[in-house]
All heavy atoms as atom14 arrays in JSON, in Angstrom:
{
  "sequence": "TGDDNTSNTLMSYTSQGGPYSTFSPYDIAALNWLYGGDGLRGA",
  "atom14_mask": [
    [1, 1, 1, 1, 1, 1, 1, 0, 0, 0, 0, 0, 0, 0],
    [1, 1, 1, 1, 0, 0, 0, 0, 0, 0, 0, 0, 0, 0],
    [1, 1, 1, 1, 1, 1, 1, 1, 0, 0, 0, 0, 0, 0],
    [1, 1, 1, 1, 1, 1, 1, 1, 0, 0, 0, 0, 0, 0],
    [1, 1, 1, 1, 1, 1, 1, 1, 0, 0, 0, 0, 0, 0],
    [1, 1, 1, 1, 1, 1, 1, 0, 0, 0, 0, 0, 0, 0],
    [1, 1, 1, 1, 1, 1, 0, 0, 0, 0, 0, 0, 0, 0],
    [1, 1, 1, 1, 1, 1, 1, 1, 0, 0, 0, 0, 0, 0],
    [1, 1, 1, 1, 1, 1, 1, 0, 0, 0, 0, 0, 0, 0],
    [1, 1, 1, 1, 1, 1, 1, 1, 0, 0, 0, 0, 0, 0],
    [1, 1, 1, 1, 1, 1, 1, 1, 0, 0, 0, 0, 0, 0],
    [1, 1, 1, 1, 1, 1, 0, 0, 0, 0, 0, 0, 0, 0],
    [1, 1, 1, 1, 1, 1, 1, 1, 1, 1, 1, 1, 0, 0],
    [1, 1, 1, 1, 1, 1, 1, 0, 0, 0, 0, 0, 0, 0],
    [1, 1, 1, 1, 1, 1, 0, 0, 0, 0, 0, 0, 0, 0],
    [1, 1, 1, 1, 1, 1, 1, 1, 1, 0, 0, 0, 0, 0],
    [1, 1, 1, 1, 0, 0, 0, 0, 0, 0, 0, 0, 0, 0],
    [1, 1, 1, 1, 0, 0, 0, 0, 0, 0, 0, 0, 0, 0],
    [1, 1, 1, 1, 1, 1, 1, 0, 0, 0, 0, 0, 0, 0],
    [1, 1, 1, 1, 1, 1, 1, 1, 1, 1, 1, 1, 0, 0],
    [1, 1, 1, 1, 1, 1, 0, 0, 0, 0, 0, 0, 0, 0],
    [1, 1, 1, 1, 1, 1, 1, 0, 0, 0, 0, 0, 0, 0],
    [1, 1, 1, 1, 1, 1, 1, 1, 1, 1, 1, 0, 0, 0],
    [1, 1, 1, 1, 1, 1, 0, 0, 0, 0, 0, 0, 0, 0],
    [1, 1, 1, 1, 1, 1, 1, 0, 0, 0, 0, 0, 0, 0],
    [1, 1, 1, 1, 1, 1, 1, 1, 1, 1, 1, 1, 0, 0],
    [1, 1, 1, 1, 1, 1, 1, 1, 0, 0, 0, 0, 0, 0],
    [1, 1, 1, 1, 1, 1, 1, 1, 0, 0, 0, 0, 0, 0],
    [1, 1, 1, 1, 1, 0, 0, 0, 0, 0, 0, 0, 0, 0],
    [1, 1, 1, 1, 1, 0, 0, 0, 0, 0, 0, 0, 0, 0],
    [1, 1, 1, 1, 1, 1, 1, 1, 0, 0, 0, 0, 0, 0],
    [1, 1, 1, 1, 1, 1, 1, 1, 0, 0, 0, 0, 0, 0],
    [1, 1, 1, 1, 1, 1, 1, 1, 1, 1, 1, 1, 1, 1],
    [1, 1, 1, 1, 1, 1, 1, 1, 0, 0, 0, 0, 0, 0],
    [1, 1, 1, 1, 1, 1, 1, 1, 1, 1, 1, 1, 0, 0],
    [1, 1, 1, 1, 0, 0, 0, 0, 0, 0, 0, 0, 0, 0],
    [1, 1, 1, 1, 0, 0, 0, 0, 0, 0, 0, 0, 0, 0],
    [1, 1, 1, 1, 1, 1, 1, 1, 0, 0, 0, 0, 0, 0],
    [1, 1, 1, 1, 0, 0, 0, 0, 0, 0, 0, 0, 0, 0],
    [1, 1, 1, 1, 1, 1, 1, 1, 0, 0, 0, 0, 0, 0],
    [1, 1, 1, 1, 1, 1, 1, 1, 1, 1, 1, 0, 0, 0],
    [1, 1, 1, 1, 0, 0, 0, 0, 0, 0, 0, 0, 0, 0],
    [1, 1, 1, 1, 1, 0, 0, 0, 0, 0, 0, 0, 0, 0]
  ],
  "atom14_positions": [
    [[0.83, -1.19, 0.0], [0.04, 0.01, -0.02], [0.84, 1.27, 0.01], [0.57, 2.23, -0.74], [-0.91, 0.01, 1.25], [-1.8, -1.16, 1.16], [-1.81, 1.28, 1.25], [0.0, 0.0, 0.0], [0.0, 0.0, 0.0], [0.0, 0.0, 0.0], [0.0, 0.0, 0.0], [0.0, 0.0, 0.0], [0.0, 0.0, 0.0], [0.0, 0.0, 0.0]],
    [[1.95, 1.27, 0.81], [2.77, 2.46, 0.85], [3.53, 2.75, -0.42], [4.03, 3.83, -0.66], [0.0, 0.0, 0.0], [0.0, 0.0, 0.0], [0.0, 0.0, 0.0], [0.0, 0.0, 0.0], [0.0, 0.0, 0.0], [0.0, 0.0, 0.0], [0.0, 0.0, 0.0], [0.0, 0.0, 0.0], [0.0, 0.0, 0.0], [0.0, 0.0, 0.0]],
    [[3.69, 1.78, -1.31], [4.44, 1.95, -2.53], [3.51, 2.22, -3.73], [3.97, 2.7, -4.79], [5.18, 0.6, -2.91], [6.54, 0.57, -2.25], [6.88, 1.53, -1.52], [7.22, -0.43, -2.38], [0.0, 0.0, 0.0], [0.0, 0.0, 0.0], [0.0, 0.0, 0.0], [0.0, 0.0, 0.0], [0.0, 0.0, 0.0], [0.0, 0.0, 0.0]],
    [[2.2, 1.92, -3.57], [1.22, 2.07, -4.64], [0.81, 3.53, -4.81], [-0.25, 3.88, -4.35], [0.04, 1.15, -4.33], [-0.99, 1.11, -5.49], [-0.79, 1.81, -6.49], [-1.99, 0.32, -5.43], [0.0, 0.0, 0.0], [0.0, 0.0, 0.0], [0.0, 0.0, 0.0], [0.0, 0.0, 0.0], [0.0, 0.0, 0.0], [0.0, 0.0, 0.0]],
    [[1.65, 4.3, -5.46], [1.28, 5.72, -5.79], [2.05, 6.11, -7.02], [3.04, 5.47, -7.44], [1.6, 6.6, -4.6], [3.03, 6.6, -4.18], [3.84, 7.15, -4.88], [3.34, 5.93, -3.02], [0.0, 0.0, 0.0], [0.0, 0.0, 0.0], [0.0, 0.0, 0.0], [0.0, 0.0, 0.0], [0.0, 0.0, 0.0], [0.0, 0.0, 0.0]],
    [[1.67, 7.2, -7.63], [2.17, 7.66, -8.89], [3.58, 8.17, -8.79], [4.28, 8.27, -9.82], [1.33, 8.74, -9.57], [1.16, 9.83, -8.66], [-0.05, 8.19, -9.93], [0.0, 0.0, 0.0], [0.0, 0.0, 0.0], [0.0, 0.0, 0.0], [0.0, 0.0, 0.0], [0.0, 0.0, 0.0], [0.0, 0.0, 0.0], [0.0, 0.0, 0.0]],
    [[4.14, 8.48, -7.63], [5.56, 8.81, -7.52], [6.47, 7.62, -7.85], [7.61, 7.77, -8.26], [5.89, 9.38, -6.12], [5.91, 8.44, -5.15], [0.0, 0.0, 0.0], [0.0, 0.0, 0.0], [0.0, 0.0, 0.0], [0.0, 0.0, 0.0], [0.0, 0.0, 0.0], [0.0, 0.0, 0.0], [0.0, 0.0, 0.0], [0.0, 0.0, 0.0]],
    [[5.89, 6.41, -7.66], [6.64, 5.16, -7.89], [6.23, 4.62, -9.26], [7.1, 4.11, -10.03], [6.35, 4.11, -6.87], [7.04, 4.41, -5.56], [8.12, 4.88, -5.49], [6.4, 4.14, -4.44], [0.0, 0.0, 0.0], [0.0, 0.0, 0.0], [0.0, 0.0, 0.0], [0.0, 0.0, 0.0], [0.0, 0.0, 0.0], [0.0, 0.0, 0.0]],
    [[4.95, 4.64, -9.58], [4.45, 4.1, -10.87], [3.27, 4.87, -11.37], [2.29, 5.08, -10.6], [4.09, 2.61, -10.73], [3.4, 2.24, -11.95], [3.27, 2.32, -9.54], [0.0, 0.0, 0.0], [0.0, 0.0, 0.0], [0.0, 0.0, 0.0], [0.0, 0.0, 0.0], [0.0, 0.0, 0.0], [0.0, 0.0, 0.0], [0.0, 0.0, 0.0]],
    [[3.27, 5.27, -12.61], [2.13, 5.93, -13.23], [0.94, 4.99, -13.42], [-0.13, 5.4, -13.83], [2.49, 6.57, -14.55], [3.57, 7.69, -14.51], [3.61, 8.39, -15.86], [3.34, 8.68, -13.35], [0.0, 0.0, 0.0], [0.0, 0.0, 0.0], [0.0, 0.0, 0.0], [0.0, 0.0, 0.0], [0.0, 0.0, 0.0], [0.0, 0.0, 0.0]],
    [[1.19, 3.68, -13.2], [0.11, 2.67, -13.4], [-0.75, 2.7, -12.11], [-1.79, 1.99, -12.11], [0.69, 1.3, -13.65], [1.68, 1.22, -14.8], [1.14, 2.09, -16.3], [-0.24, 1.01, -16.79], [0.0, 0.0, 0.0], [0.0, 0.0, 0.0], [0.0, 0.0, 0.0], [0.0, 0.0, 0.0], [0.0, 0.0, 0.0], [0.0, 0.0, 0.0]],
    [[-0.39, 3.41, -11.07], [-1.18, 3.53, -9.87], [-2.39, 4.42, -10.02], [-2.35, 5.32, -10.86], [-0.33, 4.01, -8.72], [-1.06, 4.16, -7.56], [0.0, 0.0, 0.0], [0.0, 0.0, 0.0], [0.0, 0.0, 0.0], [0.0, 0.0, 0.0], [0.0, 0.0, 0.0], [0.0, 0.0, 0.0], [0.0, 0.0, 0.0], [0.0, 0.0, 0.0]],
    [[-3.4, 4.23, -9.27], [-4.47, 5.07, -9.18], [-4.44, 6.04, -8.0], [-5.34, 6.84, -7.79], [-5.78, 4.28, -8.99], [-6.42, 3.69, -10.33], [-5.73, 3.76, -11.5], [-7.73, 3.2, -10.31], [-6.31, 3.26, -12.64], [-8.27, 2.66, -11.46], [-7.55, 2.71, -12.65], [-8.04, 2.27, -13.83], [0.0, 0.0, 0.0], [0.0, 0.0, 0.0]],
    [[-3.37, 5.96, -7.25], [-3.2, 6.87, -6.1], [-2.18, 7.95, -6.42], [-1.03, 7.68, -6.66], [-2.75, 6.06, -4.83], [-3.62, 5.03, -4.55], [-2.54, 6.99, -3.67], [0.0, 0.0, 0.0], [0.0, 0.0, 0.0], [0.0, 0.0, 0.0], [0.0, 0.0, 0.0], [0.0, 0.0, 0.0], [0.0, 0.0, 0.0], [0.0, 0.0, 0.0]],
    [[-2.68, 9.19, -6.52], [-1.74, 10.3, -6.89], [-0.88, 10.74, -5.74], [-1.36, 10.83, -4.64], [-2.59, 11.47, -7.38], [-3.32, 11.12, -8.58], [0.0, 0.0, 0.0], [0.0, 0.0, 0.0], [0.0, 0.0, 0.0], [0.0, 0.0, 0.0], [0.0, 0.0, 0.0], [0.0, 0.0, 0.0], [0.0, 0.0, 0.0], [0.0, 0.0, 0.0]],
    [[0.38, 10.91, -6.11], [1.32, 11.49, -5.15], [2.28, 12.39, -5.97], [3.07, 11.83, -6.68], [2.06, 10.43, -4.35], [2.99, 11.02, -3.34], [3.57, 9.96, -2.35], [2.82, 9.28, -1.75], [4.88, 9.86, -2.31], [0.0, 0.0, 0.0], [0.0, 0.0, 0.0], [0.0, 0.0, 0.0], [0.0, 0.0, 0.0], [0.0, 0.0, 0.0]],
    [[2.21, 13.67, -5.85], [3.04, 14.6, -6.66], [2.36, 14.61, -8.04], [1.21, 14.3, -8.22], [0.0, 0.0, 0.0], [0.0, 0.0, 0.0], [0.0, 0.0, 0.0], [0.0, 0.0, 0.0], [0.0, 0.0, 0.0], [0.0, 0.0, 0.0], [0.0, 0.0, 0.0], [0.0, 0.0, 0.0], [0.0, 0.0, 0.0], [0.0, 0.0, 0.0]],
    [[3.21, 15.16, -8.98], [2.72, 15.19, -10.36], [1.9, 16.46, -10.6], [1.8, 17.35, -9.77], [0.0, 0.0, 0.0], [0.0, 0.0, 0.0], [0.0, 0.0, 0.0], [0.0, 0.0, 0.0], [0.0, 0.0, 0.0], [0.0, 0.0, 0.0], [0.0, 0.0, 0.0], [0.0, 0.0, 0.0], [0.0, 0.0, 0.0], [0.0, 0.0, 0.0]],
    [[1.29, 16.57, -11.77], [1.29, 15.56, -12.87], [2.77, 15.34, -13.39], [3.57, 16.24, -13.48], [0.39, 16.16, -14.02], [-0.41, 17.17, -13.31], [0.49, 17.75, -12.22], [0.0, 0.0, 0.0], [0.0, 0.0, 0.0], [0.0, 0.0, 0.0], [0.0, 0.0, 0.0], [0.0, 0.0, 0.0], [0.0, 0.0, 0.0], [0.0, 0.0, 0.0]],
    [[2.97, 14.08, -13.82], [4.3, 13.65, -14.29], [4.39, 13.72, -15.8], [3.4, 13.42, -16.48], [4.61, 12.27, -13.79], [4.77, 12.25, -12.24], [3.66, 11.79, -11.49], [5.98, 12.58, -11.64], [3.82, 11.75, -10.04], [6.11, 12.51, -10.26], [4.99, 12.18, -9.52], [5.16, 12.15, -8.12], [0.0, 0.0, 0.0], [0.0, 0.0, 0.0]],
    [[5.58, 14.0, -16.3], [5.76, 14.12, -17.74], [6.62, 13.0, -18.32], [6.9, 12.96, -19.48], [6.47, 15.5, -18.12], [5.64, 16.53, -17.71], [0.0, 0.0, 0.0], [0.0, 0.0, 0.0], [0.0, 0.0, 0.0], [0.0, 0.0, 0.0], [0.0, 0.0, 0.0], [0.0, 0.0, 0.0], [0.0, 0.0, 0.0], [0.0, 0.0, 0.0]],
    [[7.02, 12.09, -17.46], [7.69, 10.88, -17.84], [7.38, 9.73, -16.89], [6.69, 9.97, -15.86], [9.26, 11.08, -17.93], [9.78, 9.98, -18.57], [9.83, 11.27, -16.57], [0.0, 0.0, 0.0], [0.0, 0.0, 0.0], [0.0, 0.0, 0.0], [0.0, 0.0, 0.0], [0.0, 0.0, 0.0], [0.0, 0.0, 0.0], [0.0, 0.0, 0.0]],
    [[7.75, 8.52, -17.21], [7.47, 7.42, -16.36], [8.17, 7.48, -15.02], [9.26, 8.01, -14.94], [7.72, 6.1, -17.09], [6.76, 5.85, -18.21], [7.05, 6.16, -19.54], [5.54, 5.21, -17.92], [6.15, 5.97, -20.54], [4.64, 5.0, -18.96], [4.92, 5.32, -20.26], [0.0, 0.0, 0.0], [0.0, 0.0, 0.0], [0.0, 0.0, 0.0]],
    [[7.56, 6.83, -14.0], [8.15, 6.83, -12.68], [9.08, 5.66, -12.57], [9.15, 4.71, -13.44], [7.01, 6.68, -11.64], [6.27, 7.98, -11.66], [0.0, 0.0, 0.0], [0.0, 0.0, 0.0], [0.0, 0.0, 0.0], [0.0, 0.0, 0.0], [0.0, 0.0, 0.0], [0.0, 0.0, 0.0], [0.0, 0.0, 0.0], [0.0, 0.0, 0.0]],
    [[9.88, 5.59, -11.42], [10.96, 4.64, -11.37], [10.57, 3.15, -11.54], [11.28, 2.37, -12.2], [11.55, 4.84, -9.96], [11.27, 6.33, -9.74], [9.99, 6.56, -10.38], [0.0, 0.0, 0.0], [0.0, 0.0, 0.0], [0.0, 0.0, 0.0], [0.0, 0.0, 0.0], [0.0, 0.0, 0.0], [0.0, 0.0, 0.0], [0.0, 0.0, 0.0]],
    [[9.41, 2.69, -10.93], [9.0, 1.36, -11.03], [8.6, 1.03, -12.45], [8.79, -0.13, -12.88], [7.87, 1.02, -10.08], [8.25, 1.04, -8.54], [9.56, 1.38, -8.14], [7.3, 0.67, -7.64], [9.87, 1.44, -6.82], [7.68, 0.75, -6.23], [8.92, 1.12, -5.9], [9.24, 1.17, -4.5], [0.0, 0.0, 0.0], [0.0, 0.0, 0.0]],
    [[7.96, 1.95, -13.11], [7.66, 1.76, -14.53], [8.87, 1.47, -15.35], [8.88, 0.59, -16.21], [6.95, 2.95, -15.12], [5.68, 3.42, -14.27], [4.93, 2.52, -13.9], [5.56, 4.65, -14.13], [0.0, 0.0, 0.0], [0.0, 0.0, 0.0], [0.0, 0.0, 0.0], [0.0, 0.0, 0.0], [0.0, 0.0, 0.0], [0.0, 0.0, 0.0]],
    [[9.9, 2.3, -15.14], [11.11, 2.14, -15.88], [11.76, 0.77, -15.61], [12.31, 0.12, -16.47], [12.08, 3.33, -15.64], [11.53, 4.62, -16.17], [13.45, 3.05, -16.24], [12.23, 5.86, -15.78], [0.0, 0.0, 0.0], [0.0, 0.0, 0.0], [0.0, 0.0, 0.0], [0.0, 0.0, 0.0], [0.0, 0.0, 0.0], [0.0, 0.0, 0.0]],
    [[11.72, 0.42, -14.34], [12.3, -0.93, -13.99], [11.53, -2.06, -14.66], [12.21, -3.0, -15.2], [12.24, -1.12, -12.42], [0.0, 0.0, 0.0], [0.0, 0.0, 0.0], [0.0, 0.0, 0.0], [0.0, 0.0, 0.0], [0.0, 0.0, 0.0], [0.0, 0.0, 0.0], [0.0, 0.0, 0.0], [0.0, 0.0, 0.0], [0.0, 0.0, 0.0]],
    [[10.25, -1.9, -14.72], [9.49, -3.03, -15.44], [9.69, -2.98, -16.95], [9.83, -4.06, -17.56], [7.96, -2.81, -15.13], [0.0, 0.0, 0.0], [0.0, 0.0, 0.0], [0.0, 0.0, 0.0], [0.0, 0.0, 0.0], [0.0, 0.0, 0.0], [0.0, 0.0, 0.0], [0.0, 0.0, 0.0], [0.0, 0.0, 0.0], [0.0, 0.0, 0.0]],
    [[9.81, -1.78, -17.49], [10.09, -1.7, -18.96], [11.49, -2.19, -19.19], [11.75, -2.83, -20.27], [9.9, -0.25, -19.43], [8.47, 0.25, -19.38], [8.48, 1.76, -19.7], [7.57, -0.5, -20.44], [0.0, 0.0, 0.0], [0.0, 0.0, 0.0], [0.0, 0.0, 0.0], [0.0, 0.0, 0.0], [0.0, 0.0, 0.0], [0.0, 0.0, 0.0]],
    [[12.47, -1.92, -18.34], [13.82, -2.5, -18.53], [13.79, -4.03, -18.51], [14.44, -4.68, -19.35], [14.72, -2.01, -17.41], [15.15, -0.54, -17.6], [15.06, 0.02, -18.69], [15.66, 0.0, -16.54], [0.0, 0.0, 0.0], [0.0, 0.0, 0.0], [0.0, 0.0, 0.0], [0.0, 0.0, 0.0], [0.0, 0.0, 0.0], [0.0, 0.0, 0.0]],
    [[12.99, -4.57, -17.65], [12.84, -6.06, -17.55], [12.26, -6.65, -18.8], [12.8, -7.6, -19.39], [12.01, -6.46, -16.38], [11.68, -7.9, -16.27], [10.55, -8.52, -16.56], [12.58, -8.97, -15.82], [10.61, -9.9, -16.4], [11.93, -10.21, -15.93], [13.93, -8.95, -15.41], [12.41, -11.41, -15.58], [14.49, -10.14, -15.07], [13.81, -11.32, -15.11]],
    [[11.26, -5.99, -19.38], [10.55, -6.46, -20.59], [11.43, -6.27, -21.83], [11.53, -7.17, -22.69], [9.23, -5.73, -20.76], [8.13, -6.13, -19.78], [6.94, -5.2, -19.94], [7.71, -7.54, -19.9], [0.0, 0.0, 0.0], [0.0, 0.0, 0.0], [0.0, 0.0, 0.0], [0.0, 0.0, 0.0], [0.0, 0.0, 0.0], [0.0, 0.0, 0.0]],
    [[12.04, -5.06, -21.99], [12.63, -4.73, -23.32], [14.15, -4.55, -23.2], [14.82, -4.38, -24.22], [11.97, -3.46, -23.82], [10.47, -3.65, -24.01], [9.55, -3.09, -23.17], [10.0, -4.49, -25.04], [8.2, -3.25, -23.24], [8.59, -4.73, -25.17], [7.73, -4.11, -24.3], [6.38, -4.37, -24.46], [0.0, 0.0, 0.0], [0.0, 0.0, 0.0]],
    [[14.73, -4.42, -22.09], [16.17, -4.43, -21.86], [16.82, -3.16, -22.27], [18.06, -3.05, -22.28], [0.0, 0.0, 0.0], [0.0, 0.0, 0.0], [0.0, 0.0, 0.0], [0.0, 0.0, 0.0], [0.0, 0.0, 0.0], [0.0, 0.0, 0.0], [0.0, 0.0, 0.0], [0.0, 0.0, 0.0], [0.0, 0.0, 0.0], [0.0, 0.0, 0.0]],
    [[16.01, -2.09, -22.57], [16.64, -0.84, -23.03], [17.21, -0.87, -24.31], [17.7, 0.25, -24.85], [0.0, 0.0, 0.0], [0.0, 0.0, 0.0], [0.0, 0.0, 0.0], [0.0, 0.0, 0.0], [0.0, 0.0, 0.0], [0.0, 0.0, 0.0], [0.0, 0.0, 0.0], [0.0, 0.0, 0.0], [0.0, 0.0, 0.0], [0.0, 0.0, 0.0]],
    [[17.29, -1.94, -25.04], [17.91, -2.05, -26.35], [16.9, -2.59, -27.41], [17.25, -3.13, -28.43], [19.13, -2.9, -26.36], [18.92, -4.33, -25.91], [17.7, -4.68, -25.58], [19.86, -5.1, -25.91], [0.0, 0.0, 0.0], [0.0, 0.0, 0.0], [0.0, 0.0, 0.0], [0.0, 0.0, 0.0], [0.0, 0.0, 0.0], [0.0, 0.0, 0.0]],
    [[15.56, -2.35, -27.18], [14.59, -2.59, -28.19], [14.08, -4.05, -28.15], [14.38, -4.89, -27.31], [0.0, 0.0, 0.0], [0.0, 0.0, 0.0], [0.0, 0.0, 0.0], [0.0, 0.0, 0.0], [0.0, 0.0, 0.0], [0.0, 0.0, 0.0], [0.0, 0.0, 0.0], [0.0, 0.0, 0.0], [0.0, 0.0, 0.0], [0.0, 0.0, 0.0]],
    [[13.29, -4.36, -29.18], [12.64, -5.65, -29.34], [13.74, -6.69, -29.82], [14.47, -6.47, -30.83], [11.53, -5.61, -30.36], [10.46, -4.6, -30.09], [9.41, -4.56, -31.18], [9.72, -4.92, -28.73], [0.0, 0.0, 0.0], [0.0, 0.0, 0.0], [0.0, 0.0, 0.0], [0.0, 0.0, 0.0], [0.0, 0.0, 0.0], [0.0, 0.0, 0.0]],
    [[13.94, -7.76, -29.07], [14.86, -8.83, -29.42], [16.26, -8.31, -29.52], [17.02, -8.63, -30.41], [14.43, -9.52, -30.7], [13.06, -10.18, -30.65], [12.69, -10.97, -31.82], [11.29, -11.35, -31.71], [10.67, -11.93, -32.71], [11.23, -12.11, -33.87], [9.47, -12.28, -32.57], [0.0, 0.0, 0.0], [0.0, 0.0, 0.0], [0.0, 0.0, 0.0]],
    [[16.66, -7.46, -28.62], [18.05, -7.06, -28.54], [18.82, -8.04, -27.71], [18.4, -9.23, -27.6], [0.0, 0.0, 0.0], [0.0, 0.0, 0.0], [0.0, 0.0, 0.0], [0.0, 0.0, 0.0], [0.0, 0.0, 0.0], [0.0, 0.0, 0.0], [0.0, 0.0, 0.0], [0.0, 0.0, 0.0], [0.0, 0.0, 0.0], [0.0, 0.0, 0.0]],
    [[19.9, -7.59, -27.15], [20.68, -8.52, -26.27], [20.09, -8.74, -24.88], [20.48, -9.73, -24.22], [22.14, -7.94, -26.13], [0.0, 0.0, 0.0], [0.0, 0.0, 0.0], [0.0, 0.0, 0.0], [0.0, 0.0, 0.0], [0.0, 0.0, 0.0], [0.0, 0.0, 0.0], [0.0, 0.0, 0.0], [0.0, 0.0, 0.0], [0.0, 0.0, 0.0]]
  ]
}
């Protein structure tokens, strides 16, 4: 519950700060896991 807010992830429904113009840290961590920062089917 304490982590579920928009300062950590824009996928949250609980606003904290913002409005944000880029993704929050947990979003970036999840996107890094999925895509590796080097695109589709990179290394």
